[in-house]
Every structure is written in structure tokens, then in C-alpha cells.
């Protein structure tokens, strides 16, 4: 079933030779893609292409347009709104720049990765409004990288350049990759870090030369460790990096030195991150921080707590489908099918398993670490924002390239899982979620938009609207 999407030739889904520095596929790969059995021809794999320079210019223009859109949407914001997160990150950046700290004792440790990116703003100004606007501009520039990274991912999945560009442009507008850029918080950059990490990890798996292998290994380690230094979700990615490294060390004798290079990079970078986090902790949390691991242990200590964690995980997966207009659901099911198919290349199965595992662990651990009085734990799309973008890209490629029969099977499975998750949310969180006020609107903005209700968004109605949208995408793919 998954063959039309994933069986793309011997050089690999993210092979080093699959896409060159300009995003073009070499002739052997183009031939393999064009001759894939069962692939529908209306989205050509190979086009009468303009020069590589033209596409570099087009990607640059698209990136700047995406950044400009983000700046425009945040133009009315003059101060932090999503507190304590935004304030904590801004204070951490000020401390790193040599400025004064604050006392946020007892709060969550807001880690040093994101503040490092915005620290240079404090070198030039200390005016709060100017700092905030500059930070949002940095967010916009980084967040807009979803477009070029998404383009590379779609090319490696077999789309021609025009189709890959359109899909990447739409992916950059998905709320999970757009909305949080309007706030001074980690989620503004996390989708970019996640997508870049997955691309470099697979490049490491399929590298055709030692130079590319070492570069990809080190880049993957740096990105995973930066994610770890940025948010607790990054620890899941770091564990994923370790699993891939063990697998490469076991299966590819020629690549073992690259595993050592990745491990050394990860250890050194993680140690630096730990040191900086300790410095931030002393300056901002003099009486200690709230323990996320302690909250998880407390939740998992009882049967009822474990069941509640699984219920909240279902809520995260409900939002994964809902926040992507149904398309990421198709991508997630396609990845699950790749894992169990024996006739799919091992590199694709490894990457599918890695993406699904990261999604599952984050969906379970992120809400479990939150206090019980925080409503975003019920059904948040925030913690899976990076994976929403990843599976949106996969799902869009599936709609464009796969046979209708395969699309319908993936959509049917995704619909069943989506309805089960929605029923779970309705049971433990209620048939409506609050959308009145900034806090509730921030956490449940997508359900509010889908139901056009800014007081209480109906879970069944939001689910139904998403399924109608999914049906529309399938109809357009027909």
C-alpha cells in the first residue's frame, strides 16, 4: 500500500545524492521516481526545470515572504502575553547578555536554548518594547525556514519542484508552524528544529560518502542536543538520536566512526547546555524549580494516573489531526504502514519508526509533566507542533502521489483513530473546551476557529469539520 509513496528508488528517501545543494534530484533518482509502479502521473516527478539558481531564488523569496507574514501578524504586540513562558525566556536572554535576573523560584525551568538565539538583542537595546519586537522578528526569520526545509523534504519524498514548493508553502502556513512565531517562546522555533533534525538524521543513514556521513552525523547530534537544551521534548529527540546511532553502529561497519563523532558532539554540547541551564537556574530560580520528572513519576504512580496520562496523550493526537486539517492524520498512518511493510527499504522504515516513536513519547510525557490545573494538558497541539508539520508534509505527498485506494485506506484508519481520540477527549475533558479569554484562546485556538465559537468550542463539531475538510482534500486528490 505505501509503495507508491515510499518506494522511491535505491538511493533513498533522504539519501545524500537524492537532493543536491540546490534541491535538484540527480538523473538516476529522477529515473527511479518516474518509473515507480502505481504512481499517478498527474504530479510529475521530473519537470522541464528552470535552472537550479532560479529555485534557490524562489525559495529565498518564499522564505522572506513567509517571514514578512509573521512579522505583519505580530505587529500589534508590544509586550509578553503568554506568561510566564514569554517573560521567563526574555529574562533568561537578558541574564545571558549580562543583565539582571529575576526570581521565578518554584516555576518550571525555561531552558537556555531559545534564549541563546535572542540574547544578541540585549547587546543593542534594553528598551522592553524594542526588545520584544526584535525577538518577534528573529522568530519570524527562523520559523519561516519551514518552507525551504519542507521543500527539501517533499523533494526527497518524490515530488517535482513545483509541487514540492506549493506543499512546503502551505505547510509553512499551518498554525503549528506559524502561530507560535508571534510569541517569545520555544514553540516559535521547535518545528524548524524538529524538521531539520529528521532530515539530517536520515541523511546520516543514507550518506554516500564519508564526508557527507560525518557532516550529517554531527549536524544531527547538534540539532538533537539543541532541542534538548531548548525544551524537555528535546530529551525525546536526544534518545531518538542515540537509538539511531546504536543501529548505525551495529549495521554499518563503515559508519562507526561517524557514530563516535555524533556521540562526542552530543556529549560536549549537552554538557555546555547543562552548564548554561545551571547558570540560569542560579540567577532566576534561587530557591529551586518545579520538577517535571517528579510530576511524571507522581502521575504514573497509580493506575488512575496512568490512565489519565493516556487520555491526555489521546488529546494530543486529536489535535495533531485537527490542527493539520486532517492531513497529518494521513501522514501518520502512512508512516505506521511503512514500519510494518517488509518490502520497504530499511532506511525508510527506520525514519518512520523514529517519527512515530518521537510523536508517541512526546504525546504521553509532555502533558504528564504539567500541573493538573493547566488546561492545555487536556488536548494541546503545542507540544506536537514539530511533528504536525512533519506528518502534514508526508500526508500531502501521499495525497498527491499515491493511488486513490491507498489514500482511502489511510484516511479510513486515520478517521477511526481521530474519532477514538475525540471520544476520549469528550469523556475526560468534556464535550466542549474553553476558548474565552487569552489563555483559553491560546491553547484552543484551532478548535475555536473550526467551530467559530469564541466561548466554548464543541469537540464533536470541531471533529466533524476536520473530517469534512479531510474529505475535501481527498476529493481534490481524486
Protein backbone atom coordinates (compact mmCIF):
# COMPACT_ATOMS: atom_id res chain seq x y z
CA UNK A 1 0.00 0.00 0.00
CA UNK A 2 2.66 2.51 0.98
CA UNK A 3 4.83 1.64 -2.01
CA UNK A 4 3.51 4.41 -4.31
CA UNK A 5 4.64 6.99 -1.78
CA UNK A 6 7.77 5.50 -0.30
CA UNK A 7 9.41 3.09 -2.74
CA UNK A 8 11.39 5.77 -4.47
CA UNK A 9 14.49 4.04 -5.73
CA UNK A 10 17.70 2.64 -4.35
CA UNK A 11 19.34 5.86 -3.22
CA UNK A 12 16.85 6.66 -0.54
CA UNK A 13 14.15 8.89 0.78
CA UNK A 14 16.71 11.26 2.22
CA UNK A 15 19.83 9.96 0.52
CA UNK A 16 22.69 12.35 0.24
CA UNK A 17 22.51 12.03 -3.52
CA UNK A 18 18.73 12.42 -3.67
CA UNK A 19 18.80 16.18 -3.47
CA UNK A 20 21.84 18.27 -4.23
CA UNK A 21 22.67 21.60 -2.66
CA UNK A 22 20.22 23.33 -4.96
CA UNK A 23 17.38 20.92 -4.33
CA UNK A 24 17.66 19.04 -7.64
CA UNK A 25 17.46 15.27 -8.00
CA UNK A 26 20.28 13.56 -9.94
CA UNK A 27 19.40 11.62 -13.07
CA UNK A 28 19.39 8.10 -11.52
CA UNK A 29 16.95 9.17 -8.84
CA UNK A 30 14.75 11.02 -11.28
CA UNK A 31 14.51 7.91 -13.41
CA UNK A 32 13.62 5.75 -10.42
CA UNK A 33 10.99 8.14 -9.29
CA UNK A 34 9.42 8.45 -12.69
CA UNK A 35 9.18 4.68 -13.09
CA UNK A 36 7.68 3.88 -9.69
CA UNK A 37 4.87 1.33 -10.20
CA UNK A 38 1.40 2.58 -9.38
CA UNK A 39 2.37 6.24 -9.10
CA UNK A 40 -0.16 8.62 -10.58
CA UNK A 41 1.40 10.73 -13.32
CA UNK A 42 -0.54 13.95 -12.95
CA UNK A 43 2.03 15.25 -10.42
CA UNK A 44 5.24 14.75 -12.43
CA UNK A 45 8.36 13.68 -10.63
CA UNK A 46 10.55 15.32 -13.25
CA UNK A 47 9.71 18.63 -14.81
CA UNK A 48 11.20 20.67 -17.60
CA UNK A 49 13.09 22.55 -15.00
CA UNK A 50 14.44 26.04 -14.87
CA UNK A 51 17.97 26.38 -13.59
CA UNK A 52 18.88 25.47 -10.03
CA UNK A 53 19.63 29.12 -9.39
CA UNK A 54 16.03 30.02 -10.20
CA UNK A 55 14.77 27.67 -7.49
CA UNK A 56 17.27 28.99 -4.97
CA UNK A 57 15.97 32.50 -5.67
CA UNK A 58 12.36 31.32 -5.46
CA UNK A 59 12.99 29.60 -2.13
CA UNK A 60 14.70 32.70 -0.79
CA UNK A 61 11.81 34.90 -1.88
CA UNK A 62 9.32 32.45 -0.37
CA UNK A 63 11.22 32.40 2.91
CA UNK A 64 11.24 36.21 3.04
CA UNK A 65 7.52 36.38 2.24
CA UNK A 66 6.77 33.87 5.00
CA UNK A 67 8.90 35.85 7.45
CA UNK A 68 7.14 39.05 6.40
CA UNK A 69 3.73 37.49 7.02
CA UNK A 70 4.78 36.50 10.53
CA UNK A 71 6.09 39.98 11.27
CA UNK A 72 2.88 41.53 9.95
CA UNK A 73 0.64 39.33 12.09
CA UNK A 74 2.63 40.19 15.22
CA UNK A 75 2.84 43.91 14.50
CA UNK A 76 0.28 44.84 17.20
CA UNK A 77 2.04 43.06 20.04
CA UNK A 78 4.15 45.22 22.32
CA UNK A 79 4.57 43.08 25.42
CA UNK A 80 4.60 39.41 26.50
CA UNK A 81 1.14 37.86 26.64
CA UNK A 82 1.77 34.13 27.06
CA UNK A 83 3.11 34.23 30.61
CA UNK A 84 5.04 33.02 32.48
CA UNK A 85 6.69 31.45 29.42
CA UNK A 86 7.50 34.58 27.46
CA UNK A 87 8.69 36.55 30.47
CA UNK A 88 10.91 33.71 31.64
CA UNK A 89 12.57 33.31 28.23
CA UNK A 90 13.15 37.06 27.92
CA UNK A 91 14.63 37.27 31.41
CA UNK A 92 16.91 34.30 30.65
CA UNK A 93 18.14 36.02 27.49
CA UNK A 94 18.78 39.20 29.47
CA UNK A 95 20.81 37.25 32.04
CA UNK A 96 22.88 35.61 29.28
CA UNK A 97 23.59 39.09 27.89
CA UNK A 98 24.92 40.16 31.29
CA UNK A 99 21.77 41.89 32.52
CA UNK A 100 19.87 41.49 35.79
CA UNK A 101 17.91 38.37 36.69
CA UNK A 102 14.62 37.86 38.47
CA UNK A 103 13.08 35.48 40.98
CA UNK A 104 10.90 32.83 39.34
CA UNK A 105 11.51 30.22 42.02
CA UNK A 106 9.09 27.32 42.03
CA UNK A 107 8.31 27.70 38.33
CA UNK A 108 9.34 25.41 35.51
CA UNK A 109 12.94 25.82 34.34
CA UNK A 110 12.69 27.59 30.98
CA UNK A 111 15.77 26.22 29.30
CA UNK A 112 18.58 28.08 27.67
CA UNK A 113 18.34 27.02 24.01
CA UNK A 114 15.81 29.58 22.81
CA UNK A 115 17.18 32.45 24.96
CA UNK A 116 20.58 31.93 23.31
CA UNK A 117 19.07 32.86 19.95
CA UNK A 118 17.52 36.09 21.20
CA UNK A 119 20.31 37.17 23.58
CA UNK A 120 22.04 39.39 20.93
CA UNK A 121 19.03 41.73 21.01
CA UNK A 122 20.04 42.79 24.53
CA UNK A 123 23.51 43.75 23.27
CA UNK A 124 21.98 46.68 21.39
CA UNK A 125 18.98 47.78 23.44
CA UNK A 126 17.31 47.35 26.80
CA UNK A 127 14.02 49.03 25.85
CA UNK A 128 11.35 46.39 26.56
CA UNK A 129 9.16 47.19 23.54
CA UNK A 130 12.11 47.33 21.15
CA UNK A 131 13.47 44.07 22.53
CA UNK A 132 10.14 42.34 22.14
CA UNK A 133 9.65 43.46 18.55
CA UNK A 134 13.21 42.41 17.66
CA UNK A 135 12.64 38.99 19.24
CA UNK A 136 9.49 38.50 17.17
CA UNK A 137 11.46 39.37 14.03
CA UNK A 138 14.02 36.70 14.93
CA UNK A 139 11.16 34.29 15.45
CA UNK A 140 9.78 35.14 12.02
CA UNK A 141 13.08 34.55 10.26
CA UNK A 142 13.63 31.18 11.92
CA UNK A 143 10.02 30.00 11.76
CA UNK A 144 9.83 30.77 8.02
CA UNK A 145 12.57 28.18 7.42
CA UNK A 146 9.75 25.62 7.43
CA UNK A 147 9.33 26.49 3.74
CA UNK A 148 12.83 25.62 2.44
CA UNK A 149 13.13 22.64 4.79
CA UNK A 150 9.68 21.42 3.78
CA UNK A 151 10.66 21.80 0.13
CA UNK A 152 13.70 19.58 0.65
CA UNK A 153 11.58 17.01 2.48
CA UNK A 154 9.00 16.93 -0.33
CA UNK A 155 11.69 16.58 -2.98
CA UNK A 156 13.13 13.65 -1.08
CA UNK A 157 9.67 12.14 -0.90
CA UNK A 158 9.50 12.27 -4.69
CA UNK A 159 7.59 15.41 -5.62
CA UNK A 160 8.65 17.54 -8.53
CA UNK A 161 9.90 21.01 -7.81
CA UNK A 162 6.69 22.99 -8.41
CA UNK A 163 4.55 20.60 -6.34
CA UNK A 164 7.18 20.48 -3.58
CA UNK A 165 7.28 24.27 -3.45
CA UNK A 166 3.50 24.57 -3.17
CA UNK A 167 3.23 21.91 -0.44
CA UNK A 168 6.08 23.49 1.54
CA UNK A 169 4.46 26.91 1.24
CA UNK A 170 1.18 25.58 2.61
CA UNK A 171 3.00 23.68 5.38
CA UNK A 172 4.65 26.92 6.47
CA UNK A 173 1.16 28.38 6.92
CA UNK A 174 -0.16 25.54 9.08
CA UNK A 175 -0.92 27.02 12.52
CA UNK A 176 1.54 24.68 14.27
CA UNK A 177 4.39 26.25 12.30
CA UNK A 178 3.04 29.79 12.16
CA UNK A 179 1.02 30.75 15.23
CA UNK A 180 3.71 30.49 17.90
CA UNK A 181 6.13 32.72 16.00
CA UNK A 182 4.07 35.62 17.37
CA UNK A 183 5.29 34.88 20.90
CA UNK A 184 8.71 34.92 22.57
CA UNK A 185 8.76 31.22 23.33
CA UNK A 186 10.39 27.97 22.31
CA UNK A 187 7.47 26.81 20.19
CA UNK A 188 8.28 29.51 17.65
CA UNK A 189 11.37 27.59 16.53
CA UNK A 190 10.69 23.99 17.55
CA UNK A 191 9.04 22.85 14.27
CA UNK A 192 12.11 24.04 12.35
CA UNK A 193 14.48 22.27 14.74
CA UNK A 194 12.42 19.06 14.54
CA UNK A 195 12.20 19.00 10.75
CA UNK A 196 15.89 19.84 10.30
CA UNK A 197 16.86 17.11 12.77
CA UNK A 198 14.86 14.45 10.94
CA UNK A 199 16.34 15.47 7.58
CA UNK A 200 19.92 15.39 8.84
CA UNK A 201 19.34 12.11 10.66
CA UNK A 202 18.17 10.41 7.51
CA UNK A 203 21.00 11.93 5.53
CA UNK A 204 23.28 10.27 8.07
CA UNK A 205 21.57 6.94 7.47
CA UNK A 206 21.92 7.08 3.69
CA UNK A 207 25.09 9.11 3.13
CA UNK A 208 27.02 8.06 0.03
CA UNK A 209 30.40 9.43 1.11
CA UNK A 210 32.37 9.69 4.33
CA UNK A 211 32.36 13.49 4.23
CA UNK A 212 28.58 13.67 3.95
CA UNK A 213 28.19 10.99 6.62
CA UNK A 214 30.32 12.85 9.17
CA UNK A 215 28.66 16.19 8.40
CA UNK A 216 25.17 14.69 8.74
CA UNK A 217 26.08 12.85 11.94
CA UNK A 218 27.47 15.97 13.61
CA UNK A 219 24.56 18.12 12.38
CA UNK A 220 22.02 15.61 13.65
CA UNK A 221 23.74 15.50 17.05
CA UNK A 222 23.91 19.30 17.27
CA UNK A 223 20.23 19.69 16.42
CA UNK A 224 19.10 16.98 18.84
CA UNK A 225 21.20 18.46 21.63
CA UNK A 226 19.97 21.96 20.86
CA UNK A 227 16.42 20.61 21.10
CA UNK A 228 17.36 19.10 24.47
CA UNK A 229 18.74 22.49 25.56
CA UNK A 230 15.54 24.17 24.37
CA UNK A 231 12.69 22.13 25.84
CA UNK A 232 12.13 18.87 27.69
CA UNK A 233 10.72 17.44 24.44
CA UNK A 234 14.27 17.59 23.14
CA UNK A 235 15.21 14.80 25.53
CA UNK A 236 12.98 12.52 23.45
CA UNK A 237 14.83 13.57 20.30
CA UNK A 238 18.16 13.01 22.01
CA UNK A 239 17.03 9.48 22.89
CA UNK A 240 15.99 9.01 19.27
CA UNK A 241 19.44 10.12 18.14
CA UNK A 242 21.02 7.57 20.48
CA UNK A 243 18.79 4.80 19.10
CA UNK A 244 19.72 5.66 15.52
CA UNK A 245 23.40 5.81 16.47
CA UNK A 246 23.28 2.36 18.05
CA UNK A 247 21.54 0.99 14.96
CA UNK A 248 24.10 2.51 12.58
CA UNK A 249 26.98 1.27 14.74
CA UNK A 250 25.52 -2.24 14.65
CA UNK A 251 24.55 -2.42 10.98
CA UNK A 252 27.09 -0.23 9.14
CA UNK A 253 30.69 -1.00 9.99
CA UNK A 254 31.96 1.73 7.68
CA UNK A 255 29.92 4.34 9.56
CA UNK A 256 31.03 3.53 13.09
CA UNK A 257 33.45 6.43 13.33
CA UNK A 258 30.62 8.80 12.41
CA UNK A 259 28.67 7.41 15.37
CA UNK A 260 31.58 8.28 17.63
CA UNK A 261 31.69 11.78 16.10
CA UNK A 262 27.96 12.22 16.75
CA UNK A 263 28.28 10.89 20.30
CA UNK A 264 31.20 13.21 21.07
CA UNK A 265 29.33 16.18 19.67
CA UNK A 266 26.23 15.34 21.68
CA UNK A 267 28.14 14.88 24.93
CA UNK A 268 30.10 18.13 24.61
CA UNK A 269 27.06 20.15 23.55
CA UNK A 270 24.83 18.63 26.23
CA UNK A 271 27.44 19.43 28.87
CA UNK A 272 27.56 23.05 27.69
CA UNK A 273 23.76 23.21 27.75
CA UNK A 274 23.65 21.77 31.27
CA UNK A 275 26.20 24.33 32.43
CA UNK A 276 24.23 27.23 30.95
CA UNK A 277 20.97 25.91 32.37
CA UNK A 278 22.63 25.73 35.80
CA UNK A 279 23.76 29.34 35.42
CA UNK A 280 20.21 30.38 34.51
CA UNK A 281 18.80 28.37 37.39
CA UNK A 282 21.01 30.13 39.93
CA UNK A 283 20.21 33.58 38.52
CA UNK A 284 16.45 33.19 38.06
CA UNK A 285 15.37 30.31 40.31
CA UNK A 286 17.38 30.83 43.52
CA UNK A 287 15.03 28.64 45.58
CA UNK A 288 14.73 25.89 43.01
CA UNK A 289 12.46 24.91 40.11
CA UNK A 290 9.43 22.71 39.75
CA UNK A 291 10.42 19.13 38.93
CA UNK A 292 8.92 17.88 35.66
CA UNK A 293 10.21 14.36 36.23
CA UNK A 294 8.71 14.39 39.72
CA UNK A 295 5.32 15.33 38.27
CA UNK A 296 5.54 12.45 35.78
CA UNK A 297 6.50 9.96 38.49
CA UNK A 298 3.61 11.15 40.64
CA UNK A 299 1.17 10.72 37.78
CA UNK A 300 2.41 7.25 36.86
CA UNK A 301 2.44 6.05 40.47
CA UNK A 302 -1.20 4.98 40.30
CA UNK A 303 -3.40 3.16 37.82
CA UNK A 304 -5.78 6.10 37.60
CA UNK A 305 -2.88 8.46 36.97
CA UNK A 306 -1.55 6.26 34.18
CA UNK A 307 -4.99 6.08 32.57
CA UNK A 308 -5.25 9.86 32.77
CA UNK A 309 -1.86 10.23 31.06
CA UNK A 310 -3.07 8.00 28.21
CA UNK A 311 -6.25 10.07 27.96
CA UNK A 312 -4.22 13.25 27.67
CA UNK A 313 -1.99 11.60 25.06
CA UNK A 314 -5.13 10.85 23.04
CA UNK A 315 -5.95 14.55 23.31
CA UNK A 316 -2.56 15.48 21.85
CA UNK A 317 -3.12 13.11 18.93
CA UNK A 318 -6.62 14.51 18.41
CA UNK A 319 -5.04 17.92 17.99
CA UNK A 320 -2.36 16.55 15.64
CA UNK A 321 -5.10 15.64 13.15
CA UNK A 322 -7.37 18.61 13.87
CA UNK A 323 -4.63 21.26 13.70
CA UNK A 324 -3.48 19.97 10.30
CA UNK A 325 -6.98 19.92 8.77
CA UNK A 326 -6.81 16.12 8.72
CA UNK A 327 -3.73 15.83 6.50
CA UNK A 328 -1.23 14.91 9.24
CA UNK A 329 -3.52 12.01 10.15
CA UNK A 330 -2.95 10.51 6.71
CA UNK A 331 0.79 11.08 7.09
CA UNK A 332 0.85 9.38 10.50
CA UNK A 333 -1.00 6.31 9.21
CA UNK A 334 1.29 6.14 6.16
CA UNK A 335 4.30 6.11 8.50
CA UNK A 336 2.74 3.31 10.56
CA UNK A 337 2.23 1.27 7.39
CA UNK A 338 5.83 1.77 6.33
CA UNK A 339 7.05 0.42 9.66
CA UNK A 340 5.29 -2.92 9.20
CA UNK A 341 5.99 -3.44 5.49
CA UNK A 342 8.86 -5.80 4.78
CA UNK A 343 9.24 -4.69 1.16
CA UNK A 344 10.08 -1.10 2.08
CA UNK A 345 13.73 -0.12 2.36
CA UNK A 346 15.16 -0.23 5.83
CA UNK A 347 16.12 3.47 5.91
CA UNK A 348 12.50 4.45 5.34
CA UNK A 349 11.27 2.06 8.00
CA UNK A 350 13.80 3.42 10.48
CA UNK A 351 12.77 7.02 9.84
CA UNK A 352 9.07 6.17 10.03
CA UNK A 353 9.62 4.33 13.30
CA UNK A 354 11.67 7.24 14.65
CA UNK A 355 8.99 9.80 13.77
CA UNK A 356 6.16 7.72 15.22
CA UNK A 357 8.13 6.92 18.38
CA UNK A 358 9.04 10.57 18.99
CA UNK A 359 5.39 11.56 18.47
CA UNK A 360 4.09 8.90 20.84
CA UNK A 361 6.55 9.60 23.65
CA UNK A 362 6.06 13.37 23.47
CA UNK A 363 2.27 12.92 23.42
CA UNK A 364 2.50 10.87 26.63
CA UNK A 365 5.19 12.71 28.57
CA UNK A 366 4.51 16.39 27.76
CA UNK A 367 1.04 16.61 29.33
CA UNK A 368 2.04 14.24 32.14
CA UNK A 369 4.65 16.75 33.29
CA UNK A 370 2.15 19.60 33.58
CA UNK A 371 0.28 20.50 36.78
CA UNK A 372 -3.29 19.17 36.86
CA UNK A 373 -4.75 22.71 36.85
CA UNK A 374 -3.31 23.61 33.43
CA UNK A 375 -5.98 23.12 30.77
CA UNK A 376 -3.50 22.80 27.89
CA UNK A 377 -2.74 19.33 29.25
CA UNK A 378 -6.22 18.25 28.19
CA UNK A 379 -5.79 18.46 24.43
CA UNK A 380 -2.93 20.70 23.36
CA UNK A 381 -1.45 20.94 19.89
CA UNK A 382 1.53 22.86 21.19
CA UNK A 383 3.79 20.01 22.22
CA UNK A 384 3.47 18.11 18.93
CA UNK A 385 3.84 21.20 16.76
CA UNK A 386 7.01 19.92 15.08
CA UNK A 387 5.54 16.51 14.32
CA UNK A 388 2.33 18.10 12.99
CA UNK A 389 4.42 19.79 10.30
CA UNK A 390 6.35 16.60 9.55
CA UNK A 391 3.26 14.44 9.13
CA UNK A 392 1.47 17.22 7.23
CA UNK A 393 4.24 17.07 4.61
CA UNK A 394 4.02 13.27 4.43
CA UNK A 395 0.24 13.36 4.21
CA UNK A 396 0.27 15.99 1.46
CA UNK A 397 2.73 13.94 -0.58
CA UNK A 398 0.52 10.90 -0.06
CA UNK A 399 -2.48 12.82 -1.42
CA UNK A 400 -0.52 13.94 -4.47
CA UNK A 401 1.31 10.75 -5.34
CA UNK A 402 -0.48 7.67 -4.04
CA UNK A 403 -3.26 5.68 -5.65
CA UNK A 404 -6.77 6.60 -4.55
CA UNK A 405 -7.28 3.17 -3.00
CA UNK A 406 -4.27 3.68 -0.75
CA UNK A 407 -5.35 7.20 0.14
CA UNK A 408 -8.80 5.96 1.15
CA UNK A 409 -7.35 3.20 3.33
CA UNK A 410 -5.04 5.66 5.12
CA UNK A 411 -7.89 8.14 5.50
CA UNK A 412 -10.20 5.45 6.90
CA UNK A 413 -7.66 4.36 9.51
CA UNK A 414 -6.85 7.98 10.38
CA UNK A 415 -10.57 8.75 10.73
CA UNK A 416 -11.09 5.84 13.09
CA UNK A 417 -8.17 6.87 15.30
CA UNK A 418 -9.29 10.50 15.18
CA UNK A 419 -12.83 9.63 16.29
CA UNK A 420 -11.47 7.45 19.08
CA UNK A 421 -9.24 10.30 20.27
CA UNK A 422 -12.14 12.76 20.06
CA UNK A 423 -14.35 10.45 22.11
CA UNK A 424 -11.58 10.17 24.71
CA UNK A 425 -11.28 13.97 24.91
CA UNK A 426 -15.05 14.29 25.28
CA UNK A 427 -15.04 11.78 28.15
CA UNK A 428 -12.21 13.20 30.25
CA UNK A 429 -12.24 16.89 29.26
CA UNK A 430 -15.89 17.38 28.30
CA UNK A 431 -17.72 17.86 25.03
CA UNK A 432 -16.54 21.47 24.88
CA UNK A 433 -13.21 23.18 25.51
CA UNK A 434 -12.94 26.77 26.78
CA UNK A 435 -11.97 29.42 24.25
CA UNK A 436 -12.91 32.65 26.10
CA UNK A 437 -10.04 34.88 27.20
CA UNK A 438 -6.43 34.88 26.08
CA UNK A 439 -5.27 31.79 27.98
CA UNK A 440 -8.02 29.50 26.73
CA UNK A 441 -7.94 31.00 23.25
CA UNK A 442 -4.18 30.49 23.12
CA UNK A 443 -4.50 26.80 23.98
CA UNK A 444 -7.58 26.04 21.91
CA UNK A 445 -7.36 28.50 19.02
CA UNK A 446 -7.81 25.90 16.26
CA UNK A 447 -10.98 24.36 17.74
CA UNK A 448 -12.32 27.90 18.20
CA UNK A 449 -11.69 28.75 14.54
CA UNK A 450 -13.14 25.49 13.24
CA UNK A 451 -16.32 25.88 15.28
CA UNK A 452 -16.44 29.70 15.07
CA UNK A 453 -17.13 29.74 18.79
CA UNK A 454 -15.04 32.03 21.00
CA UNK A 455 -16.59 30.95 24.28
CA UNK A 456 -16.86 27.16 24.29
CA UNK A 457 -15.70 25.15 21.26
CA UNK A 458 -17.59 21.91 20.68
CA UNK A 459 -15.33 18.86 20.45
CA UNK A 460 -17.80 16.89 18.24
CA UNK A 461 -18.30 19.88 15.92
CA UNK A 462 -14.56 20.57 15.58
CA UNK A 463 -14.04 16.88 14.83
CA UNK A 464 -16.81 16.86 12.21
CA UNK A 465 -15.47 19.99 10.48
CA UNK A 466 -11.99 18.43 10.31
CA UNK A 467 -13.41 15.27 8.74
CA UNK A 468 -15.28 17.35 6.15
CA UNK A 469 -12.03 19.14 5.31
CA UNK A 470 -10.26 15.79 5.01
CA UNK A 471 -12.96 14.64 2.60
CA UNK A 472 -12.40 17.78 0.54
CA UNK A 473 -8.66 17.11 0.28
CA UNK A 474 -9.34 13.55 -0.82
CA UNK A 475 -11.86 14.79 -3.39
CA UNK A 476 -9.31 17.23 -4.78
CA UNK A 477 -6.75 14.43 -4.98
CA UNK A 478 -9.13 12.25 -7.00
